[in-house]
Amino acid sequence: MLGHAYYLYCESLNFPDPRQVSRYEGVQWIEVTIWHKDRMDGLDGLAFDEPQRSAQKTDPPGTKSIMAAVGNHLNPIENASASHESFHLIQYGVTYFKPR
């Protein structure tokens, strides 16, 4: 689902790739993690506006990523939270505030 959302937003609609904007200079990955529903505090998904240390154990120390999380309670066929959170990563790349 996230790959399709990326293609739609960045390739078809020409939104900026969040890995290539000045705010996220040095970011190498977009990481999407699946969290247990208890960790989600009632949310379906969450996108982080600041770069995070990569969660990949094989990455060298200091490797940065931008990250989104979705709950393991979701059915991705019925819930578009992964696509929604990927849009937030694009939004945060071009704005320096987190609008509600």
PDB file of N, CA and C in Angstrom:
ATOM      1  N   MET A   1       0.819  -1.194   0.000  1.00  0.00           N
ATOM      2  CA  MET A   1       0.000   0.000   0.000  1.00  0.00           C
ATOM      3  C   MET A   1       0.861   1.254   0.000  1.00  0.00           C
ATOM      4  N   LEU A   2       1.920   1.285   0.811  1.00  0.00           N
ATOM      5  CA  LEU A   2       2.747   2.477   0.891  1.00  0.00           C
ATOM      6  C   LEU A   2       3.451   2.745  -0.432  1.00  0.00           C
ATOM      7  N   GLY A   3       3.888   1.718  -1.112  1.00  0.00           N
ATOM      8  CA  GLY A   3       4.528   1.903  -2.416  1.00  0.00           C
ATOM      9  C   GLY A   3       3.588   2.542  -3.417  1.00  0.00           C
ATOM     10  N   HIS A   4       2.346   2.132  -3.391  1.00  0.00           N
ATOM     11  CA  HIS A   4       1.343   2.729  -4.284  1.00  0.00           C
ATOM     12  C   HIS A   4       1.101   4.192  -3.928  1.00  0.00           C
ATOM     13  N   ALA A   5       1.038   4.487  -2.633  1.00  0.00           N
ATOM     14  CA  ALA A   5       0.822   5.868  -2.194  1.00  0.00           C
ATOM     15  C   ALA A   5       2.007   6.739  -2.614  1.00  0.00           C
ATOM     16  N   TYR A   6       3.212   6.227  -2.431  1.00  0.00           N
ATOM     17  CA  TYR A   6       4.407   6.984  -2.845  1.00  0.00           C
ATOM     18  C   TYR A   6       4.343   7.274  -4.344  1.00  0.00           C
ATOM     19  N   TYR A   7       4.015   6.277  -5.140  1.00  0.00           N
ATOM     20  CA  TYR A   7       3.937   6.470  -6.587  1.00  0.00           C
ATOM     21  C   TYR A   7       2.879   7.525  -6.924  1.00  0.00           C
ATOM     22  N   LEU A   8       1.721   7.436  -6.301  1.00  0.00           N
ATOM     23  CA  LEU A   8       0.658   8.407  -6.563  1.00  0.00           C
ATOM     24  C   LEU A   8       1.104   9.815  -6.197  1.00  0.00           C
ATOM     25  N   TYR A   9       1.604  10.001  -4.978  1.00  0.00           N
ATOM     26  CA  TYR A   9       1.947  11.333  -4.507  1.00  0.00           C
ATOM     27  C   TYR A   9       3.171  11.920  -5.207  1.00  0.00           C
ATOM     28  N   CYS A  10       4.237  11.141  -5.289  1.00  0.00           N
ATOM     29  CA  CYS A  10       5.515  11.690  -5.779  1.00  0.00           C
ATOM     30  C   CYS A  10       5.703  11.555  -7.289  1.00  0.00           C
ATOM     31  N   GLU A  11       5.249  10.489  -7.866  1.00  0.00           N
ATOM     32  CA  GLU A  11       5.450  10.286  -9.301  1.00  0.00           C
ATOM     33  C   GLU A  11       4.308  10.871 -10.125  1.00  0.00           C
ATOM     34  N   SER A  12       3.079  10.600  -9.742  1.00  0.00           N
ATOM     35  CA  SER A  12       1.930  11.067 -10.529  1.00  0.00           C
ATOM     36  C   SER A  12       1.558  12.518 -10.233  1.00  0.00           C
ATOM     37  N   LEU A  13       1.515  12.884  -8.949  1.00  0.00           N
ATOM     38  CA  LEU A  13       1.080  14.226  -8.567  1.00  0.00           C
ATOM     39  C   LEU A  13       2.246  15.202  -8.363  1.00  0.00           C
ATOM     40  N   ASN A  14       3.467  14.699  -8.494  1.00  0.00           N
ATOM     41  CA  ASN A  14       4.687  15.523  -8.409  1.00  0.00           C
ATOM     42  C   ASN A  14       4.894  16.218  -7.062  1.00  0.00           C
ATOM     43  N   PHE A  15       4.407  15.621  -5.986  1.00  0.00           N
ATOM     44  CA  PHE A  15       4.779  16.120  -4.675  1.00  0.00           C
ATOM     45  C   PHE A  15       6.249  15.781  -4.455  1.00  0.00           C
ATOM     46  N   PRO A  16       6.963  16.560  -3.643  1.00  0.00           N
ATOM     47  CA  PRO A  16       8.389  16.286  -3.443  1.00  0.00           C
ATOM     48  C   PRO A  16       8.625  14.988  -2.665  1.00  0.00           C
ATOM     49  N   ASP A  17       9.634  14.260  -3.088  1.00  0.00           N
ATOM     50  CA  ASP A  17      10.052  13.058  -2.359  1.00  0.00           C
ATOM     51  C   ASP A  17      10.601  13.529  -1.014  1.00  0.00           C
ATOM     52  N   PRO A  18      10.050  13.086   0.096  1.00  0.00           N
ATOM     53  CA  PRO A  18      10.505  13.594   1.392  1.00  0.00           C
ATOM     54  C   PRO A  18      11.971  13.289   1.697  1.00  0.00           C
ATOM     55  N   ARG A  19      12.539  12.302   1.034  1.00  0.00           N
ATOM     56  CA  ARG A  19      13.964  11.999   1.254  1.00  0.00           C
ATOM     57  C   ARG A  19      14.871  12.989   0.537  1.00  0.00           C
ATOM     58  N   GLN A  20      14.321  13.823  -0.322  1.00  0.00           N
ATOM     59  CA  GLN A  20      15.145  14.727  -1.128  1.00  0.00           C
ATOM     60  C   GLN A  20      14.899  16.199  -0.831  1.00  0.00           C
ATOM     61  N   VAL A  21      14.236  16.518   0.269  1.00  0.00           N
ATOM     62  CA  VAL A  21      13.994  17.910   0.631  1.00  0.00           C
ATOM     63  C   VAL A  21      15.033  18.347   1.666  1.00  0.00           C
ATOM     64  N   SER A  22      15.271  19.653   1.733  1.00  0.00           N
ATOM     65  CA  SER A  22      16.333  20.157   2.614  1.00  0.00           C
ATOM     66  C   SER A  22      16.069  19.859   4.092  1.00  0.00           C
ATOM     67  N   ARG A  23      14.811  19.819   4.496  1.00  0.00           N
ATOM     68  CA  ARG A  23      14.519  19.543   5.905  1.00  0.00           C
ATOM     69  C   ARG A  23      15.052  18.177   6.326  1.00  0.00           C
ATOM     70  N   TYR A  24      15.016  17.232   5.436  1.00  0.00           N
ATOM     71  CA  TYR A  24      15.428  15.872   5.767  1.00  0.00           C
ATOM     72  C   TYR A  24      16.753  15.498   5.106  1.00  0.00           C
ATOM     73  N   GLU A  25      17.637  16.462   4.969  1.00  0.00           N
ATOM     74  CA  GLU A  25      18.943  16.190   4.380  1.00  0.00           C
ATOM     75  C   GLU A  25      19.659  15.091   5.163  1.00  0.00           C
ATOM     76  N   GLY A  26      20.179  14.137   4.460  1.00  0.00           N
ATOM     77  CA  GLY A  26      20.896  13.028   5.087  1.00  0.00           C
ATOM     78  C   GLY A  26      20.028  11.833   5.443  1.00  0.00           C
ATOM     79  N   VAL A  27      18.722  11.969   5.313  1.00  0.00           N
ATOM     80  CA  VAL A  27      17.825  10.851   5.578  1.00  0.00           C
ATOM     81  C   VAL A  27      17.954   9.836   4.453  1.00  0.00           C
ATOM     82  N   GLN A  28      18.102   8.573   4.814  1.00  0.00           N
ATOM     83  CA  GLN A  28      18.286   7.545   3.796  1.00  0.00           C
ATOM     84  C   GLN A  28      17.064   6.663   3.586  1.00  0.00           C
ATOM     85  N   TRP A  29      16.195   6.579   4.571  1.00  0.00           N
ATOM     86  CA  TRP A  29      15.084   5.636   4.482  1.00  0.00           C
ATOM     87  C   TRP A  29      13.770   6.277   4.878  1.00  0.00           C
ATOM     88  N   ILE A  30      12.710   5.743   4.333  1.00  0.00           N
ATOM     89  CA  ILE A  30      11.379   5.942   4.874  1.00  0.00           C
ATOM     90  C   ILE A  30      11.029   4.607   5.528  1.00  0.00           C
ATOM     91  N   GLU A  31      10.872   4.617   6.823  1.00  0.00           N
ATOM     92  CA  GLU A  31      10.564   3.386   7.551  1.00  0.00           C
ATOM     93  C   GLU A  31       9.106   3.398   7.984  1.00  0.00           C
ATOM     94  N   VAL A  32       8.427   2.319   7.716  1.00  0.00           N
ATOM     95  CA  VAL A  32       7.060   2.135   8.195  1.00  0.00           C
ATOM     96  C   VAL A  32       7.083   0.910   9.097  1.00  0.00           C
ATOM     97  N   THR A  33       6.682   1.114  10.324  1.00  0.00           N
ATOM     98  CA  THR A  33       6.682   0.019  11.283  1.00  0.00           C
ATOM     99  C   THR A  33       5.246  -0.323  11.663  1.00  0.00           C
ATOM    100  N   ILE A  34       5.067  -1.538  12.100  1.00  0.00           N
ATOM    101  CA  ILE A  34       3.761  -2.003  12.558  1.00  0.00           C
ATOM    102  C   ILE A  34       3.847  -2.157  14.064  1.00  0.00           C
ATOM    103  N   TRP A  35       3.002  -1.406  14.754  1.00  0.00           N
ATOM    104  CA  TRP A  35       2.985  -1.421  16.210  1.00  0.00           C
ATOM    105  C   TRP A  35       1.731  -2.128  16.710  1.00  0.00           C
ATOM    106  N   HIS A  36       1.869  -2.752  17.873  1.00  0.00           N
ATOM    107  CA  HIS A  36       0.712  -3.362  18.527  1.00  0.00           C
ATOM    108  C   HIS A  36      -0.304  -2.266  18.846  1.00  0.00           C
ATOM    109  N   LYS A  37      -1.568  -2.588  18.753  1.00  0.00           N
ATOM    110  CA  LYS A  37      -2.618  -1.579  18.955  1.00  0.00           C
ATOM    111  C   LYS A  37      -2.528  -0.906  20.317  1.00  0.00           C
ATOM    112  N   ASP A  38      -2.026  -1.579  21.337  1.00  0.00           N
ATOM    113  CA  ASP A  38      -1.894  -0.976  22.660  1.00  0.00           C
ATOM    114  C   ASP A  38      -0.885   0.174  22.666  1.00  0.00           C
ATOM    115  N   ARG A  39       0.101   0.106  21.797  1.00  0.00           N
ATOM    116  CA  ARG A  39       1.120   1.153  21.712  1.00  0.00           C
ATOM    117  C   ARG A  39       0.617   2.369  20.928  1.00  0.00           C
ATOM    118  N   MET A  40      -0.462   2.216  20.180  1.00  0.00           N
ATOM    119  CA  MET A  40      -0.952   3.274  19.297  1.00  0.00           C
ATOM    120  C   MET A  40      -1.841   4.299  20.016  1.00  0.00           C
ATOM    121  N   ASP A  41      -2.136   4.107  21.287  1.00  0.00           N
ATOM    122  CA  ASP A  41      -2.954   5.057  22.052  1.00  0.00           C
ATOM    123  C   ASP A  41      -4.263   5.409  21.352  1.00  0.00           C
ATOM    124  N   GLY A  42      -4.909   4.416  20.781  1.00  0.00           N
ATOM    125  CA  GLY A  42      -6.191   4.633  20.128  1.00  0.00           C
ATOM    126  C   GLY A  42      -6.111   5.133  18.695  1.00  0.00           C
ATOM    127  N   LEU A  43      -4.914   5.364  18.194  1.00  0.00           N
ATOM    128  CA  LEU A  43      -4.739   5.841  16.823  1.00  0.00           C
ATOM    129  C   LEU A  43      -4.608   4.670  15.856  1.00  0.00           C
ATOM    130  N   ASP A  44      -4.889   4.930  14.595  1.00  0.00           N
ATOM    131  CA  ASP A  44      -4.647   3.925  13.555  1.00  0.00           C
ATOM    132  C   ASP A  44      -3.233   4.053  13.000  1.00  0.00           C
ATOM    133  N   GLY A  45      -2.719   5.286  12.937  1.00  0.00           N
ATOM    134  CA  GLY A  45      -1.392   5.525  12.387  1.00  0.00           C
ATOM    135  C   GLY A  45      -0.772   6.765  12.985  1.00  0.00           C
ATOM    136  N   LEU A  46       0.527   6.901  12.761  1.00  0.00           N
ATOM    137  CA  LEU A  46       1.279   8.007  13.330  1.00  0.00           C
ATOM    138  C   LEU A  46       2.473   8.277  12.425  1.00  0.00           C
ATOM    139  N   ALA A  47       2.700   9.539  12.066  1.00  0.00           N
ATOM    140  CA  ALA A  47       3.880   9.921  11.289  1.00  0.00           C
ATOM    141  C   ALA A  47       4.717  10.871  12.135  1.00  0.00           C
ATOM    142  N   PHE A  48       6.014  10.684  12.127  1.00  0.00           N
ATOM    143  CA  PHE A  48       6.928  11.509  12.914  1.00  0.00           C
ATOM    144  C   PHE A  48       7.483  12.613  12.036  1.00  0.00           C
ATOM    145  N   ASP A  49       7.504  13.845  12.553  1.00  0.00           N
ATOM    146  CA  ASP A  49       7.945  14.973  11.744  1.00  0.00           C
ATOM    147  C   ASP A  49       9.448  15.217  11.827  1.00  0.00           C
ATOM    148  N   GLU A  50      10.144  14.585  12.738  1.00  0.00           N
ATOM    149  CA  GLU A  50      11.597  14.735  12.844  1.00  0.00           C
ATOM    150  C   GLU A  50      12.286  13.426  12.444  1.00  0.00           C
ATOM    151  N   PRO A  51      13.470  13.539  11.841  1.00  0.00           N
ATOM    152  CA  PRO A  51      14.206  12.307  11.495  1.00  0.00           C
ATOM    153  C   PRO A  51      14.488  11.477  12.741  1.00  0.00           C
ATOM    154  N   GLN A  52      14.491  10.179  12.557  1.00  0.00           N
ATOM    155  CA  GLN A  52      14.731   9.223  13.636  1.00  0.00           C
ATOM    156  C   GLN A  52      15.998   8.416  13.316  1.00  0.00           C
ATOM    157  N   ARG A  53      16.587   7.855  14.345  1.00  0.00           N
ATOM    158  CA  ARG A  53      17.673   6.912  14.108  1.00  0.00           C
ATOM    159  C   ARG A  53      17.069   5.671  13.480  1.00  0.00           C
ATOM    160  N   SER A  54      17.689   5.173  12.424  1.00  0.00           N
ATOM    161  CA  SER A  54      17.161   4.016  11.722  1.00  0.00           C
ATOM    162  C   SER A  54      17.022   2.827  12.666  1.00  0.00           C
ATOM    163  N   ALA A  55      15.904   2.126  12.545  1.00  0.00           N
ATOM    164  CA  ALA A  55      15.651   0.947  13.368  1.00  0.00           C
ATOM    165  C   ALA A  55      16.302  -0.304  12.781  1.00  0.00           C
ATOM    166  N   GLN A  56      16.848  -0.189  11.585  1.00  0.00           N
ATOM    167  CA  GLN A  56      17.470  -1.343  10.936  1.00  0.00           C
ATOM    168  C   GLN A  56      18.793  -1.677  11.620  1.00  0.00           C
ATOM    169  N   LYS A  57      18.897  -2.861  12.154  1.00  0.00           N
ATOM    170  CA  LYS A  57      20.090  -3.267  12.896  1.00  0.00           C
ATOM    171  C   LYS A  57      21.334  -3.329  12.011  1.00  0.00           C
ATOM    172  N   THR A  58      21.144  -3.500  10.707  1.00  0.00           N
ATOM    173  CA  THR A  58      22.286  -3.618   9.808  1.00  0.00           C
ATOM    174  C   THR A  58      22.816  -2.270   9.316  1.00  0.00           C
ATOM    175  N   ASP A  59      22.096  -1.178   9.614  1.00  0.00           N
ATOM    176  CA  ASP A  59      22.547   0.152   9.196  1.00  0.00           C
ATOM    177  C   ASP A  59      23.669   0.639  10.095  1.00  0.00           C
ATOM    178  N   PRO A  60      24.627   1.383   9.532  1.00  0.00           N
ATOM    179  CA  PRO A  60      25.696   1.954  10.373  1.00  0.00           C
ATOM    180  C   PRO A  60      25.117   2.927  11.401  1.00  0.00           C
ATOM    181  N   PRO A  61      25.767   3.077  12.546  1.00  0.00           N
ATOM    182  CA  PRO A  61      25.292   4.038  13.543  1.00  0.00           C
ATOM    183  C   PRO A  61      25.169   5.430  12.918  1.00  0.00           C
ATOM    184  N   GLY A  62      24.125   6.146  13.286  1.00  0.00           N
ATOM    185  CA  GLY A  62      23.912   7.491  12.769  1.00  0.00           C
ATOM    186  C   GLY A  62      23.061   7.548  11.508  1.00  0.00           C
ATOM    187  N   THR A  63      22.697   6.391  10.948  1.00  0.00           N
ATOM    188  CA  THR A  63      21.826   6.383   9.779  1.00  0.00           C
ATOM    189  C   THR A  63      20.455   6.889  10.195  1.00  0.00           C
ATOM    190  N   LYS A  64      19.916   7.826   9.419  1.00  0.00           N
ATOM    191  CA  LYS A  64      18.640   8.432   9.781  1.00  0.00           C
ATOM    192  C   LYS A  64      17.535   8.046   8.807  1.00  0.00           C
ATOM    193  N   SER A  65      16.321   8.043   9.342  1.00  0.00           N
ATOM    194  CA  SER A  65      15.146   7.748   8.532  1.00  0.00           C
ATOM    195  C   SER A  65      14.017   8.674   8.961  1.00  0.00           C
ATOM    196  N   ILE A  66      13.013   8.760   8.113  1.00  0.00           N
ATOM    197  CA  ILE A  66      11.757   9.359   8.548  1.00  0.00           C
ATOM    198  C   ILE A  66      10.803   8.188   8.726  1.00  0.00           C
ATOM    199  N   MET A  67       9.943   8.308   9.713  1.00  0.00           N
ATOM    200  CA  MET A  67       9.223   7.120  10.139  1.00  0.00           C
ATOM    201  C   MET A  67       7.731   7.362  10.307  1.00  0.00           C
ATOM    202  N   ALA A  68       6.977   6.324   9.978  1.00  0.00           N
ATOM    203  CA  ALA A  68       5.544   6.269  10.244  1.00  0.00           C
ATOM    204  C   ALA A  68       5.252   4.911  10.871  1.00  0.00           C
ATOM    205  N   ALA A  69       4.210   4.856  11.652  1.00  0.00           N
ATOM    206  CA  ALA A  69       3.788   3.598  12.272  1.00  0.00           C
ATOM    207  C   ALA A  69       2.297   3.404  12.009  1.00  0.00           C
ATOM    208  N   VAL A  70       1.919   2.169  11.822  1.00  0.00           N
ATOM    209  CA  VAL A  70       0.500   1.816  11.700  1.00  0.00           C
ATOM    210  C   VAL A  70       0.223   0.685  12.678  1.00  0.00           C
ATOM    211  N   GLY A  71      -1.022   0.623  13.145  1.00  0.00           N
ATOM    212  CA  GLY A  71      -1.408  -0.383  14.125  1.00  0.00           C
ATOM    213  C   GLY A  71      -1.620  -1.749  13.500  1.00  0.00           C
ATOM    214  N   ASN A  72      -1.296  -2.780  14.271  1.00  0.00           N
ATOM    215  CA  ASN A  72      -1.468  -4.146  13.777  1.00  0.00           C
ATOM    216  C   ASN A  72      -2.930  -4.589  13.792  1.00  0.00           C
ATOM    217  N   HIS A  73      -3.805  -3.743  14.277  1.00  0.00           N
ATOM    218  CA  HIS A  73      -5.233  -4.062  14.329  1.00  0.00           C
ATOM    219  C   HIS A  73      -5.965  -3.688  13.043  1.00  0.00           C
ATOM    220  N   LEU A  74      -5.261  -3.094  12.100  1.00  0.00           N
ATOM    221  CA  LEU A  74      -5.900  -2.595  10.879  1.00  0.00           C
ATOM    222  C   LEU A  74      -5.934  -3.647   9.783  1.00  0.00           C
ATOM    223  N   ASN A  75      -6.974  -3.587   8.999  1.00  0.00           N
ATOM    224  CA  ASN A  75      -7.049  -4.363   7.769  1.00  0.00           C
ATOM    225  C   ASN A  75      -6.693  -3.390   6.643  1.00  0.00           C
ATOM    226  N   PRO A  76      -5.519  -3.540   6.004  1.00  0.00           N
ATOM    227  CA  PRO A  76      -5.089  -2.557   5.009  1.00  0.00           C
ATOM    228  C   PRO A  76      -5.996  -2.471   3.781  1.00  0.00           C
ATOM    229  N   ILE A  77      -6.830  -3.468   3.565  1.00  0.00           N
ATOM    230  CA  ILE A  77      -7.777  -3.410   2.449  1.00  0.00           C
ATOM    231  C   ILE A  77      -8.910  -2.439   2.782  1.00  0.00           C
ATOM    232  N   GLU A  78      -9.246  -2.351   4.058  1.00  0.00           N
ATOM    233  CA  GLU A  78     -10.362  -1.510   4.481  1.00  0.00           C
ATOM    234  C   GLU A  78      -9.935  -0.181   5.096  1.00  0.00           C
ATOM    235  N   ASN A  79      -8.672  -0.019   5.427  1.00  0.00           N
ATOM    236  CA  ASN A  79      -8.208   1.167   6.131  1.00  0.00           C
ATOM    237  C   ASN A  79      -6.987   1.734   5.417  1.00  0.00           C
ATOM    238  N   ALA A  80      -7.042   2.998   5.046  1.00  0.00           N
ATOM    239  CA  ALA A  80      -5.966   3.635   4.270  1.00  0.00           C
ATOM    240  C   ALA A  80      -4.971   4.397   5.147  1.00  0.00           C
ATOM    241  N   SER A  81      -4.816   4.009   6.401  1.00  0.00           N
ATOM    242  CA  SER A  81      -3.923   4.747   7.296  1.00  0.00           C
ATOM    243  C   SER A  81      -2.486   4.792   6.810  1.00  0.00           C
ATOM    244  N   ALA A  82      -1.979   3.734   6.215  1.00  0.00           N
ATOM    245  CA  ALA A  82      -0.591   3.749   5.726  1.00  0.00           C
ATOM    246  C   ALA A  82      -0.420   4.822   4.657  1.00  0.00           C
ATOM    247  N   SER A  83      -1.349   4.933   3.742  1.00  0.00           N
ATOM    248  CA  SER A  83      -1.299   5.981   2.711  1.00  0.00           C
ATOM    249  C   SER A  83      -1.430   7.361   3.339  1.00  0.00           C
ATOM    250  N   HIS A  84      -2.313   7.478   4.301  1.00  0.00           N
ATOM    251  CA  HIS A  84      -2.530   8.747   4.990  1.00  0.00           C
ATOM    252  C   HIS A  84      -1.252   9.200   5.695  1.00  0.00           C
ATOM    253  N   GLU A  85      -0.582   8.292   6.386  1.00  0.00           N
ATOM    254  CA  GLU A  85       0.646   8.641   7.104  1.00  0.00           C
ATOM    255  C   GLU A  85       1.777   8.967   6.129  1.00  0.00           C
ATOM    256  N   SER A  86       1.816   8.294   4.986  1.00  0.00           N
ATOM    257  CA  SER A  86       2.860   8.612   4.002  1.00  0.00           C
ATOM    258  C   SER A  86       2.659  10.030   3.466  1.00  0.00           C
ATOM    259  N   PHE A  87       1.413  10.469   3.326  1.00  0.00           N
ATOM    260  CA  PHE A  87       1.172  11.846   2.916  1.00  0.00           C
ATOM    261  C   PHE A  87       1.699  12.821   3.965  1.00  0.00           C
ATOM    262  N   HIS A  88       1.532  12.495   5.251  1.00  0.00           N
ATOM    263  CA  HIS A  88       2.066  13.362   6.302  1.00  0.00           C
ATOM    264  C   HIS A  88       3.583  13.487   6.193  1.00  0.00           C
ATOM    265  N   LEU A  89       4.276  12.436   5.836  1.00  0.00           N
ATOM    266  CA  LEU A  89       5.732  12.525   5.687  1.00  0.00           C
ATOM    267  C   LEU A  89       6.097  13.525   4.589  1.00  0.00           C
ATOM    268  N   ILE A  90       5.343  13.531   3.511  1.00  0.00           N
ATOM    269  CA  ILE A  90       5.555  14.520   2.443  1.00  0.00           C
ATOM    270  C   ILE A  90       5.234  15.917   2.972  1.00  0.00           C
ATOM    271  N   GLN A  91       4.117  16.045   3.649  1.00  0.00           N
ATOM    272  CA  GLN A  91       3.692  17.334   4.211  1.00  0.00           C
ATOM    273  C   GLN A  91       4.743  17.897   5.158  1.00  0.00           C
ATOM    274  N   TYR A  92       5.261  17.073   6.054  1.00  0.00           N
ATOM    275  CA  TYR A  92       6.251  17.539   7.021  1.00  0.00           C
ATOM    276  C   TYR A  92       7.566  17.912   6.343  1.00  0.00           C
ATOM    277  N   GLY A  93       7.854  17.305   5.197  1.00  0.00           N
ATOM    278  CA  GLY A  93       9.081  17.639   4.478  1.00  0.00           C
ATOM    279  C   GLY A  93       9.077  19.040   3.905  1.00  0.00           C
ATOM    280  N   VAL A  94       7.915  19.573   3.619  1.00  0.00           N
ATOM    281  CA  VAL A  94       7.836  20.898   2.996  1.00  0.00           C
ATOM    282  C   VAL A  94       7.315  21.961   3.961  1.00  0.00           C
ATOM    283  N   THR A  95       6.883  21.585   5.146  1.00  0.00           N
ATOM    284  CA  THR A  95       6.448  22.552   6.153  1.00  0.00           C
ATOM    285  C   THR A  95       7.233  22.283   7.424  1.00  0.00           C
ATOM    286  N   TYR A  96       7.469  23.324   8.193  1.00  0.00           N
ATOM    287  CA  TYR A  96       8.248  23.184   9.414  1.00  0.00           C
ATOM    288  C   TYR A  96       7.363  23.272  10.651  1.00  0.00           C
ATOM    289  N   PHE A  97       6.110  22.975  10.477  1.00  0.00           N
ATOM    290  CA  PHE A  97       5.202  22.926  11.607  1.00  0.00           C
ATOM    291  C   PHE A  97       4.263  21.753  11.383  1.00  0.00           C
ATOM    292  N   LYS A  98       3.609  21.339  12.425  1.00  0.00           N
ATOM    293  CA  LYS A  98       2.758  20.172  12.358  1.00  0.00           C
ATOM    294  C   LYS A  98       1.300  20.614  12.497  1.00  0.00           C
ATOM    295  N   PRO A  99       0.664  20.978  11.390  1.00  0.00           N
ATOM    296  CA  PRO A  99      -0.714  21.467  11.492  1.00  0.00           C
ATOM    297  C   PRO A  99      -1.684  20.365  11.875  1.00  0.00           C
ATOM    298  N   ARG A 100      -2.716  20.709  12.552  1.00  0.00           N
ATOM    299  CA  ARG A 100      -3.758  19.743  12.918  1.00  0.00           C
ATOM    300  C   ARG A 100      -4.754  19.627  11.788  1.00  0.00           C
TER     301      ARG A 100
END
